[in-house]
Amino acid sequence: MYLLGEQPAYADQLISRLQSIPGKLLDGLSPCGEPLQVERSENLASDLPSNQLFIIDNGLLHALVDERPLFYLQEGDLVGLRQGIDLPSCRYTCDEPLTLIPYARSDVFKHIYASEPRQELFIQYLVGHTALLSDALARIKQPEIRPATGFKHFAKDDALINQGDEADHVFIIIDGHAQAFVDGVKVGDVQKDEIFGAMAVFTNEKRSATVIASQACTVMVIPKDQFLSLMESNPRIAHSLVESMARRIDLLNKEITGLRQSS
């Protein structure tokens, strides 16, 4: 198995070591049939018998998880371990000819468990692949918000943000209540758990309103870049933001309607 993208040196070393294990696991076991030639496949798992495992003798097999390319299997890799197990979808495709050597699934496991050294190798093989995927996830995962450096406390009447300021952070009121003002005129309230300050982040413009604490507030402060990354990776945050903006637009419309009626 080889993960897509650039790998650190230690990952390359582990991949090389894992690549040699399937051959050792199957040493002394005869294939259950002639090599299988696959010219092209969009879903190889559906084309293969579930009672067999295969060693890739030649060619590349691409793996897609949730339809996203994640890794590929190459010569010496074992194919078919996922067959018959209820796991998240993983689709294998090949665009060029692929040669697979078939082994009876039951015979493979009997062969492995008949020898303690082979059992140990098999464990190394499974754990090694898990480690590779975990390491890749750790390297691409966005950093979490760290509460120790991401919270600020404001007293009543303190300005949380000021109209005309640069927009380099987004905020969430964790506790308390605030009010939004444009040119000194109140245009809305900011409730607990609401996200504010995002509009200017999206438009790359200066703050369009001043937000003042109407009571003591605790606010989570999220850097702009981190917030945009969180928006992409966490739909709940996006949903909360849409709700917050919708409430503010509704309140602003009511304010405008009230002003028109009183004039």
C-alpha atoms as a PDB file:
ATOM      1  CA  MET A   1       0.000   0.000   0.000  1.00  0.00           C
ATOM      2  CA  TYR A   2       1.210   3.471  -0.830  1.00  0.00           C
ATOM      3  CA  LEU A   3      -0.605   6.601   0.308  1.00  0.00           C
ATOM      4  CA  LEU A   4      -1.151   9.384  -2.188  1.00  0.00           C
ATOM      5  CA  GLY A   5       0.928  12.500  -1.687  1.00  0.00           C
ATOM      6  CA  GLU A   6       4.386  13.049  -0.289  1.00  0.00           C
ATOM      7  CA  GLN A   7       5.365  10.695   2.529  1.00  0.00           C
ATOM      8  CA  PRO A   8       7.910  11.223   5.316  1.00  0.00           C
ATOM      9  CA  ALA A   9      10.979   8.974   5.277  1.00  0.00           C
ATOM     10  CA  TYR A  10       9.749   6.789   8.145  1.00  0.00           C
ATOM     11  CA  ALA A  11       6.512   6.077   6.242  1.00  0.00           C
ATOM     12  CA  ASP A  12       8.466   5.017   3.155  1.00  0.00           C
ATOM     13  CA  GLN A  13      10.526   2.640   5.282  1.00  0.00           C
ATOM     14  CA  LEU A  14       7.415   1.124   6.844  1.00  0.00           C
ATOM     15  CA  ILE A  15       5.771   0.724   3.436  1.00  0.00           C
ATOM     16  CA  SER A  16       8.829  -1.128   2.123  1.00  0.00           C
ATOM     17  CA  ARG A  17       8.780  -3.460   5.113  1.00  0.00           C
ATOM     18  CA  LEU A  18       5.054  -4.146   4.799  1.00  0.00           C
ATOM     19  CA  GLN A  19       5.443  -4.808   1.081  1.00  0.00           C
ATOM     20  CA  SER A  20       7.530  -7.908   1.775  1.00  0.00           C
ATOM     21  CA  ILE A  21       5.161  -9.475   4.319  1.00  0.00           C
ATOM     22  CA  PRO A  22       2.415 -11.012   2.098  1.00  0.00           C
ATOM     23  CA  GLY A  23       4.970 -13.131   0.232  1.00  0.00           C
ATOM     24  CA  LYS A  24       6.300 -14.453   3.543  1.00  0.00           C
ATOM     25  CA  LEU A  25       2.779 -15.138   4.806  1.00  0.00           C
ATOM     26  CA  LEU A  26       1.954 -17.244   1.755  1.00  0.00           C
ATOM     27  CA  ASP A  27       5.316 -18.979   1.476  1.00  0.00           C
ATOM     28  CA  GLY A  28       4.655 -22.709   1.093  1.00  0.00           C
ATOM     29  CA  LEU A  29       1.000 -22.256   0.107  1.00  0.00           C
ATOM     30  CA  SER A  30      -0.025 -22.986  -3.475  1.00  0.00           C
ATOM     31  CA  PRO A  31      -2.357 -20.710  -5.452  1.00  0.00           C
ATOM     32  CA  CYS A  32      -5.862 -22.062  -5.925  1.00  0.00           C
ATOM     33  CA  GLY A  33      -5.971 -21.286  -9.625  1.00  0.00           C
ATOM     34  CA  GLU A  34      -4.403 -19.615 -12.614  1.00  0.00           C
ATOM     35  CA  PRO A  35      -3.420 -15.929 -12.456  1.00  0.00           C
ATOM     36  CA  LEU A  36      -6.386 -13.638 -12.967  1.00  0.00           C
ATOM     37  CA  GLN A  37      -5.986 -11.010 -15.664  1.00  0.00           C
ATOM     38  CA  VAL A  38      -8.000  -7.806 -15.226  1.00  0.00           C
ATOM     39  CA  GLU A  39      -7.885  -5.328 -18.088  1.00  0.00           C
ATOM     40  CA  ARG A  40      -9.869  -2.568 -16.407  1.00  0.00           C
ATOM     41  CA  SER A  41     -12.325  -2.279 -13.515  1.00  0.00           C
ATOM     42  CA  GLU A  42     -14.320   0.475 -11.816  1.00  0.00           C
ATOM     43  CA  ASN A  43     -15.164  -1.711  -8.815  1.00  0.00           C
ATOM     44  CA  LEU A  44     -12.813  -4.662  -8.546  1.00  0.00           C
ATOM     45  CA  ALA A  45     -14.273  -5.999  -5.288  1.00  0.00           C
ATOM     46  CA  SER A  46     -17.567  -6.745  -7.021  1.00  0.00           C
ATOM     47  CA  ASP A  47     -15.707  -8.676  -9.744  1.00  0.00           C
ATOM     48  CA  LEU A  48     -13.720 -10.927  -7.395  1.00  0.00           C
ATOM     49  CA  PRO A  49     -14.956 -14.056  -5.603  1.00  0.00           C
ATOM     50  CA  SER A  50     -15.397 -13.423  -1.881  1.00  0.00           C
ATOM     51  CA  ASN A  51     -13.846 -16.775  -0.921  1.00  0.00           C
ATOM     52  CA  GLN A  52     -10.425 -15.860  -2.299  1.00  0.00           C
ATOM     53  CA  LEU A  53      -7.530 -13.549  -1.469  1.00  0.00           C
ATOM     54  CA  PHE A  54      -5.114 -12.261  -4.085  1.00  0.00           C
ATOM     55  CA  ILE A  55      -1.534 -11.120  -4.368  1.00  0.00           C
ATOM     56  CA  ILE A  56      -0.907  -8.394  -6.925  1.00  0.00           C
ATOM     57  CA  ASP A  57       1.636  -9.838  -9.331  1.00  0.00           C
ATOM     58  CA  ASN A  58       1.683  -6.897 -11.707  1.00  0.00           C
ATOM     59  CA  GLY A  59      -0.051  -3.530 -12.001  1.00  0.00           C
ATOM     60  CA  LEU A  60      -1.583  -0.888  -9.730  1.00  0.00           C
ATOM     61  CA  LEU A  61      -4.889  -0.862  -7.886  1.00  0.00           C
ATOM     62  CA  HIS A  62      -6.334   2.478  -6.787  1.00  0.00           C
ATOM     63  CA  ALA A  63      -8.417   2.726  -3.601  1.00  0.00           C
ATOM     64  CA  LEU A  64     -11.139   5.337  -3.146  1.00  0.00           C
ATOM     65  CA  VAL A  65     -12.809   5.992   0.208  1.00  0.00           C
ATOM     66  CA  ASP A  66     -16.030   8.019  -0.042  1.00  0.00           C
ATOM     67  CA  GLU A  67     -15.077   8.376  -3.717  1.00  0.00           C
ATOM     68  CA  ARG A  68     -11.856  10.176  -2.791  1.00  0.00           C
ATOM     69  CA  PRO A  69      -8.506   8.688  -3.883  1.00  0.00           C
ATOM     70  CA  LEU A  70      -6.621   7.707  -0.730  1.00  0.00           C
ATOM     71  CA  PHE A  71      -3.993   5.092  -1.545  1.00  0.00           C
ATOM     72  CA  TYR A  72      -2.978   2.513  -4.098  1.00  0.00           C
ATOM     73  CA  LEU A  73      -1.909  -1.108  -3.921  1.00  0.00           C
ATOM     74  CA  GLN A  74       0.989  -2.393  -5.966  1.00  0.00           C
ATOM     75  CA  GLU A  75       3.000  -5.512  -6.695  1.00  0.00           C
ATOM     76  CA  GLY A  76       3.230  -7.736  -3.618  1.00  0.00           C
ATOM     77  CA  ASP A  77       0.171  -6.299  -1.849  1.00  0.00           C
ATOM     78  CA  LEU A  78      -2.611  -8.507  -0.539  1.00  0.00           C
ATOM     79  CA  VAL A  79      -6.115  -7.872  -1.897  1.00  0.00           C
ATOM     80  CA  GLY A  80      -9.439  -9.099  -0.535  1.00  0.00           C
ATOM     81  CA  LEU A  81      -9.068  -8.902   3.243  1.00  0.00           C
ATOM     82  CA  ARG A  82     -12.059  -6.540   3.424  1.00  0.00           C
ATOM     83  CA  GLN A  83     -14.350  -8.957   1.593  1.00  0.00           C
ATOM     84  CA  GLY A  84     -17.285 -10.143   3.701  1.00  0.00           C
ATOM     85  CA  ILE A  85     -16.655  -7.622   6.500  1.00  0.00           C
ATOM     86  CA  ASP A  86     -19.036  -4.732   7.183  1.00  0.00           C
ATOM     87  CA  LEU A  87     -16.653  -1.786   6.785  1.00  0.00           C
ATOM     88  CA  PRO A  88     -16.937   1.740   5.354  1.00  0.00           C
ATOM     89  CA  SER A  89     -17.033   1.702   1.579  1.00  0.00           C
ATOM     90  CA  CYS A  90     -13.704   1.388  -0.215  1.00  0.00           C
ATOM     91  CA  ARG A  91     -13.787   1.079  -3.993  1.00  0.00           C
ATOM     92  CA  TYR A  92     -10.866  -0.417  -5.902  1.00  0.00           C
ATOM     93  CA  THR A  93     -10.278   0.607  -9.501  1.00  0.00           C
ATOM     94  CA  CYS A  94      -7.650  -0.093 -12.131  1.00  0.00           C
ATOM     95  CA  ASP A  95      -7.131   1.755 -15.388  1.00  0.00           C
ATOM     96  CA  GLU A  96      -4.435  -0.547 -16.749  1.00  0.00           C
ATOM     97  CA  PRO A  97      -3.987  -4.340 -16.903  1.00  0.00           C
ATOM     98  CA  LEU A  98      -3.668  -6.007 -13.512  1.00  0.00           C
ATOM     99  CA  THR A  99      -2.477  -9.533 -12.718  1.00  0.00           C
ATOM    100  CA  LEU A 100      -3.687 -11.213  -9.520  1.00  0.00           C
ATOM    101  CA  ILE A 101      -2.580 -14.536  -8.032  1.00  0.00           C
ATOM    102  CA  PRO A 102      -5.556 -16.238  -6.295  1.00  0.00           C
ATOM    103  CA  TYR A 103      -5.467 -18.110  -2.986  1.00  0.00           C
ATOM    104  CA  ALA A 104      -8.335 -19.789  -1.177  1.00  0.00           C
ATOM    105  CA  ARG A 105      -9.282 -17.477   1.687  1.00  0.00           C
ATOM    106  CA  SER A 106      -9.819 -20.277   4.211  1.00  0.00           C
ATOM    107  CA  ASP A 107      -6.505 -21.921   3.273  1.00  0.00           C
ATOM    108  CA  VAL A 108      -4.659 -18.624   3.723  1.00  0.00           C
ATOM    109  CA  PHE A 109      -5.896 -18.163   7.288  1.00  0.00           C
ATOM    110  CA  LYS A 110      -5.268 -21.800   8.183  1.00  0.00           C
ATOM    111  CA  HIS A 111      -1.745 -21.426   6.820  1.00  0.00           C
ATOM    112  CA  ILE A 112      -1.147 -18.245   8.813  1.00  0.00           C
ATOM    113  CA  TYR A 113      -2.521 -19.548  12.097  1.00  0.00           C
ATOM    114  CA  ALA A 114      -0.591 -22.804  11.819  1.00  0.00           C
ATOM    115  CA  SER A 115       2.634 -20.911  12.503  1.00  0.00           C
ATOM    116  CA  GLU A 116       3.388 -18.441  15.291  1.00  0.00           C
ATOM    117  CA  PRO A 117       5.945 -16.536  13.177  1.00  0.00           C
ATOM    118  CA  ARG A 118       3.345 -16.136  10.420  1.00  0.00           C
ATOM    119  CA  GLN A 119       0.768 -15.007  12.986  1.00  0.00           C
ATOM    120  CA  GLU A 120       3.205 -12.365  14.196  1.00  0.00           C
ATOM    121  CA  LEU A 121       3.884 -11.248  10.619  1.00  0.00           C
ATOM    122  CA  PHE A 122       0.169 -10.976   9.921  1.00  0.00           C
ATOM    123  CA  ILE A 123      -0.327  -8.818  13.011  1.00  0.00           C
ATOM    124  CA  GLN A 124       2.567  -6.613  11.889  1.00  0.00           C
ATOM    125  CA  TYR A 125       0.951  -6.314   8.467  1.00  0.00           C
ATOM    126  CA  LEU A 126      -2.439  -5.228   9.822  1.00  0.00           C
ATOM    127  CA  VAL A 127      -1.044  -2.926  12.500  1.00  0.00           C
ATOM    128  CA  GLY A 128       1.427  -1.426  10.031  1.00  0.00           C
ATOM    129  CA  HIS A 129      -1.300  -0.441   7.593  1.00  0.00           C
ATOM    130  CA  THR A 130      -3.372   1.006  10.426  1.00  0.00           C
ATOM    131  CA  ALA A 131      -0.347   3.024  11.553  1.00  0.00           C
ATOM    132  CA  LEU A 132       0.198   4.378   8.037  1.00  0.00           C
ATOM    133  CA  LEU A 133      -3.396   5.556   7.743  1.00  0.00           C
ATOM    134  CA  SER A 134      -3.397   7.016  11.269  1.00  0.00           C
ATOM    135  CA  ASP A 135      -0.172   8.880  10.576  1.00  0.00           C
ATOM    136  CA  ALA A 136      -1.563  10.278   7.326  1.00  0.00           C
ATOM    137  CA  LEU A 137      -4.700  11.440   9.139  1.00  0.00           C
ATOM    138  CA  ALA A 138      -2.638  13.109  11.864  1.00  0.00           C
ATOM    139  CA  ARG A 139      -0.599  15.000   9.264  1.00  0.00           C
ATOM    140  CA  ILE A 140      -3.579  16.291   7.270  1.00  0.00           C
ATOM    141  CA  LYS A 141      -6.042  16.906  10.111  1.00  0.00           C
ATOM    142  CA  GLN A 142      -6.632  20.561  10.896  1.00  0.00           C
ATOM    143  CA  PRO A 143      -5.528  21.605  14.403  1.00  0.00           C
ATOM    144  CA  GLU A 144      -8.270  21.839  16.969  1.00  0.00           C
ATOM    145  CA  ILE A 145      -9.165  25.111  18.652  1.00  0.00           C
ATOM    146  CA  ARG A 146      -7.236  25.336  21.900  1.00  0.00           C
ATOM    147  CA  PRO A 147      -9.425  26.825  24.656  1.00  0.00           C
ATOM    148  CA  ALA A 148      -6.427  28.014  26.727  1.00  0.00           C
ATOM    149  CA  THR A 149      -5.498  30.546  24.059  1.00  0.00           C
ATOM    150  CA  GLY A 150      -8.862  30.976  22.317  1.00  0.00           C
ATOM    151  CA  PHE A 151     -11.047  32.565  25.001  1.00  0.00           C
ATOM    152  CA  LYS A 152     -11.461  36.170  26.074  1.00  0.00           C
ATOM    153  CA  HIS A 153     -13.509  37.722  28.852  1.00  0.00           C
ATOM    154  CA  PHE A 154     -15.296  41.061  28.495  1.00  0.00           C
ATOM    155  CA  ALA A 155     -16.978  43.211  31.137  1.00  0.00           C
ATOM    156  CA  LYS A 156     -20.337  44.864  30.560  1.00  0.00           C
ATOM    157  CA  ASP A 157     -20.102  47.745  28.033  1.00  0.00           C
ATOM    158  CA  ASP A 158     -16.773  46.503  26.642  1.00  0.00           C
ATOM    159  CA  ALA A 159     -16.487  46.476  22.844  1.00  0.00           C
ATOM    160  CA  LEU A 160     -15.951  42.969  21.503  1.00  0.00           C
ATOM    161  CA  ILE A 161     -15.278  44.275  17.989  1.00  0.00           C
ATOM    162  CA  ASN A 162     -15.355  47.765  16.518  1.00  0.00           C
ATOM    163  CA  GLN A 163     -16.841  48.996  13.278  1.00  0.00           C
ATOM    164  CA  GLY A 164     -14.043  49.652  10.793  1.00  0.00           C
ATOM    165  CA  ASP A 165     -11.577  47.173  12.336  1.00  0.00           C
ATOM    166  CA  GLU A 166      -9.746  44.594  10.227  1.00  0.00           C
ATOM    167  CA  ALA A 167     -11.512  41.218  10.224  1.00  0.00           C
ATOM    168  CA  ASP A 168      -8.923  38.628  11.198  1.00  0.00           C
ATOM    169  CA  HIS A 169     -10.982  36.633  13.723  1.00  0.00           C
ATOM    170  CA  VAL A 170     -14.434  35.122  14.135  1.00  0.00           C
ATOM    171  CA  PHE A 171     -16.141  34.958  17.526  1.00  0.00           C
ATOM    172  CA  ILE A 172     -18.602  32.789  19.433  1.00  0.00           C
ATOM    173  CA  ILE A 173     -20.280  33.980  22.627  1.00  0.00           C
ATOM    174  CA  ILE A 174     -19.840  31.146  25.104  1.00  0.00           C
ATOM    175  CA  ASP A 175     -21.534  32.960  27.967  1.00  0.00           C
ATOM    176  CA  GLY A 176     -23.290  36.305  28.171  1.00  0.00           C
ATOM    177  CA  HIS A 177     -25.054  38.632  25.750  1.00  0.00           C
ATOM    178  CA  ALA A 178     -24.045  41.466  23.430  1.00  0.00           C
ATOM    179  CA  GLN A 179     -25.584  44.009  21.088  1.00  0.00           C
ATOM    180  CA  ALA A 180     -24.587  45.079  17.584  1.00  0.00           C
ATOM    181  CA  PHE A 181     -24.487  48.735  16.520  1.00  0.00           C
ATOM    182  CA  VAL A 182     -23.959  50.370  13.124  1.00  0.00           C
ATOM    183  CA  ASP A 183     -23.042  54.054  13.238  1.00  0.00           C
ATOM    184  CA  GLY A 184     -24.242  54.132  16.833  1.00  0.00           C
ATOM    185  CA  VAL A 185     -27.669  52.651  16.027  1.00  0.00           C
ATOM    186  CA  LYS A 186     -28.560  49.273  17.508  1.00  0.00           C
ATOM    187  CA  VAL A 187     -29.225  46.730  14.771  1.00  0.00           C
ATOM    188  CA  GLY A 188     -29.494  43.489  16.723  1.00  0.00           C
ATOM    189  CA  ASP A 189     -28.607  41.235  19.635  1.00  0.00           C
ATOM    190  CA  VAL A 190     -25.904  38.592  19.824  1.00  0.00           C
ATOM    191  CA  GLN A 191     -27.031  35.670  21.951  1.00  0.00           C
ATOM    192  CA  LYS A 192     -25.126  32.925  23.720  1.00  0.00           C
ATOM    193  CA  ASP A 193     -23.653  30.329  21.295  1.00  0.00           C
ATOM    194  CA  GLU A 194     -24.014  32.677  18.318  1.00  0.00           C
ATOM    195  CA  ILE A 195     -21.184  33.161  15.841  1.00  0.00           C
ATOM    196  CA  PHE A 196     -20.439  36.755  14.911  1.00  0.00           C
ATOM    197  CA  GLY A 197     -17.798  38.579  12.922  1.00  0.00           C
ATOM    198  CA  ALA A 198     -17.887  36.059  10.073  1.00  0.00           C
ATOM    199  CA  MET A 199     -19.407  38.263   7.377  1.00  0.00           C
ATOM    200  CA  ALA A 200     -16.353  40.514   7.147  1.00  0.00           C
ATOM    201  CA  VAL A 201     -14.109  37.435   7.102  1.00  0.00           C
ATOM    202  CA  PHE A 202     -15.963  36.119   4.060  1.00  0.00           C
ATOM    203  CA  THR A 203     -16.041  39.460   2.233  1.00  0.00           C
ATOM    204  CA  ASN A 204     -12.494  40.512   3.218  1.00  0.00           C
ATOM    205  CA  GLU A 205     -13.854  43.899   4.239  1.00  0.00           C
ATOM    206  CA  LYS A 206     -13.561  45.845   7.469  1.00  0.00           C
ATOM    207  CA  ARG A 207     -15.995  45.277  10.320  1.00  0.00           C
ATOM    208  CA  SER A 208     -19.426  46.647   9.431  1.00  0.00           C
ATOM    209  CA  ALA A 209     -20.669  46.854  13.034  1.00  0.00           C
ATOM    210  CA  THR A 210     -19.558  47.354  16.612  1.00  0.00           C
ATOM    211  CA  VAL A 211     -20.507  44.632  19.089  1.00  0.00           C
ATOM    212  CA  ILE A 212     -20.750  45.687  22.740  1.00  0.00           C
ATOM    213  CA  ALA A 213     -21.247  43.435  25.749  1.00  0.00           C
ATOM    214  CA  SER A 214     -24.602  44.145  27.387  1.00  0.00           C
ATOM    215  CA  GLN A 215     -23.445  41.942  30.274  1.00  0.00           C
ATOM    216  CA  ALA A 216     -20.216  40.175  31.178  1.00  0.00           C
ATOM    217  CA  CYS A 217     -19.236  37.864  28.300  1.00  0.00           C
ATOM    218  CA  THR A 218     -16.910  34.974  27.617  1.00  0.00           C
ATOM    219  CA  VAL A 219     -16.032  34.754  23.936  1.00  0.00           C
ATOM    220  CA  MET A 220     -14.213  32.127  21.889  1.00  0.00           C
ATOM    221  CA  VAL A 221     -11.824  33.802  19.455  1.00  0.00           C
ATOM    222  CA  ILE A 222     -11.079  31.838  16.274  1.00  0.00           C
ATOM    223  CA  PRO A 223      -8.393  32.992  13.807  1.00  0.00           C
ATOM    224  CA  LYS A 224      -9.709  33.614  10.308  1.00  0.00           C
ATOM    225  CA  ASP A 225      -7.772  30.831   8.561  1.00  0.00           C
ATOM    226  CA  GLN A 226      -8.671  28.285  11.205  1.00  0.00           C
ATOM    227  CA  PHE A 227     -12.332  29.237  11.026  1.00  0.00           C
ATOM    228  CA  LEU A 228     -12.450  28.814   7.250  1.00  0.00           C
ATOM    229  CA  SER A 229     -10.847  25.387   7.597  1.00  0.00           C
ATOM    230  CA  LEU A 230     -13.334  24.420  10.284  1.00  0.00           C
ATOM    231  CA  MET A 231     -16.185  25.543   8.040  1.00  0.00           C
ATOM    232  CA  GLU A 232     -15.002  23.109   5.382  1.00  0.00           C
ATOM    233  CA  SER A 233     -14.504  20.186   7.748  1.00  0.00           C
ATOM    234  CA  ASN A 234     -17.395  20.651  10.204  1.00  0.00           C
ATOM    235  CA  PRO A 235     -20.918  21.064   8.757  1.00  0.00           C
ATOM    236  CA  ARG A 236     -22.314  21.786  12.233  1.00  0.00           C
ATOM    237  CA  ILE A 237     -20.369  25.037  12.391  1.00  0.00           C
ATOM    238  CA  ALA A 238     -21.592  26.011   8.931  1.00  0.00           C
ATOM    239  CA  HIS A 239     -25.175  25.228   9.966  1.00  0.00           C
ATOM    240  CA  SER A 240     -24.855  27.276  13.146  1.00  0.00           C
ATOM    241  CA  LEU A 241     -23.462  30.201  11.192  1.00  0.00           C
ATOM    242  CA  VAL A 242     -26.320  30.115   8.680  1.00  0.00           C
ATOM    243  CA  GLU A 243     -28.859  30.098  11.525  1.00  0.00           C
ATOM    244  CA  SER A 244     -27.099  32.999  13.225  1.00  0.00           C
ATOM    245  CA  MET A 245     -26.983  35.083  10.052  1.00  0.00           C
ATOM    246  CA  ALA A 246     -30.616  34.298   9.282  1.00  0.00           C
ATOM    247  CA  ARG A 247     -31.679  35.516  12.729  1.00  0.00           C
ATOM    248  CA  ARG A 248     -29.695  38.716  12.325  1.00  0.00           C
ATOM    249  CA  ILE A 249     -31.126  39.406   8.888  1.00  0.00           C
ATOM    250  CA  ASP A 250     -34.627  38.859  10.265  1.00  0.00           C
ATOM    251  CA  LEU A 251     -33.977  41.226  13.183  1.00  0.00           C
ATOM    252  CA  LEU A 252     -32.470  43.825  10.863  1.00  0.00           C
ATOM    253  CA  ASN A 253     -35.503  43.625   8.578  1.00  0.00           C
ATOM    254  CA  LYS A 254     -37.776  44.189  11.566  1.00  0.00           C
ATOM    255  CA  GLU A 255     -35.680  47.169  12.663  1.00  0.00           C
ATOM    256  CA  ILE A 256     -35.888  48.680   9.179  1.00  0.00           C
ATOM    257  CA  THR A 257     -39.638  48.053   9.019  1.00  0.00           C
ATOM    258  CA  GLY A 258     -40.095  49.712  12.414  1.00  0.00           C
ATOM    259  CA  LEU A 259     -38.079  52.752  11.364  1.00  0.00           C
ATOM    260  CA  ARG A 260     -40.101  53.139   8.169  1.00  0.00           C
ATOM    261  CA  GLN A 261     -43.383  52.902  10.049  1.00  0.00           C
ATOM    262  CA  SER A 262     -42.306  55.504  12.603  1.00  0.00           C
ATOM    263  CA  SER A 263     -41.074  57.985  10.001  1.00  0.00           C
END
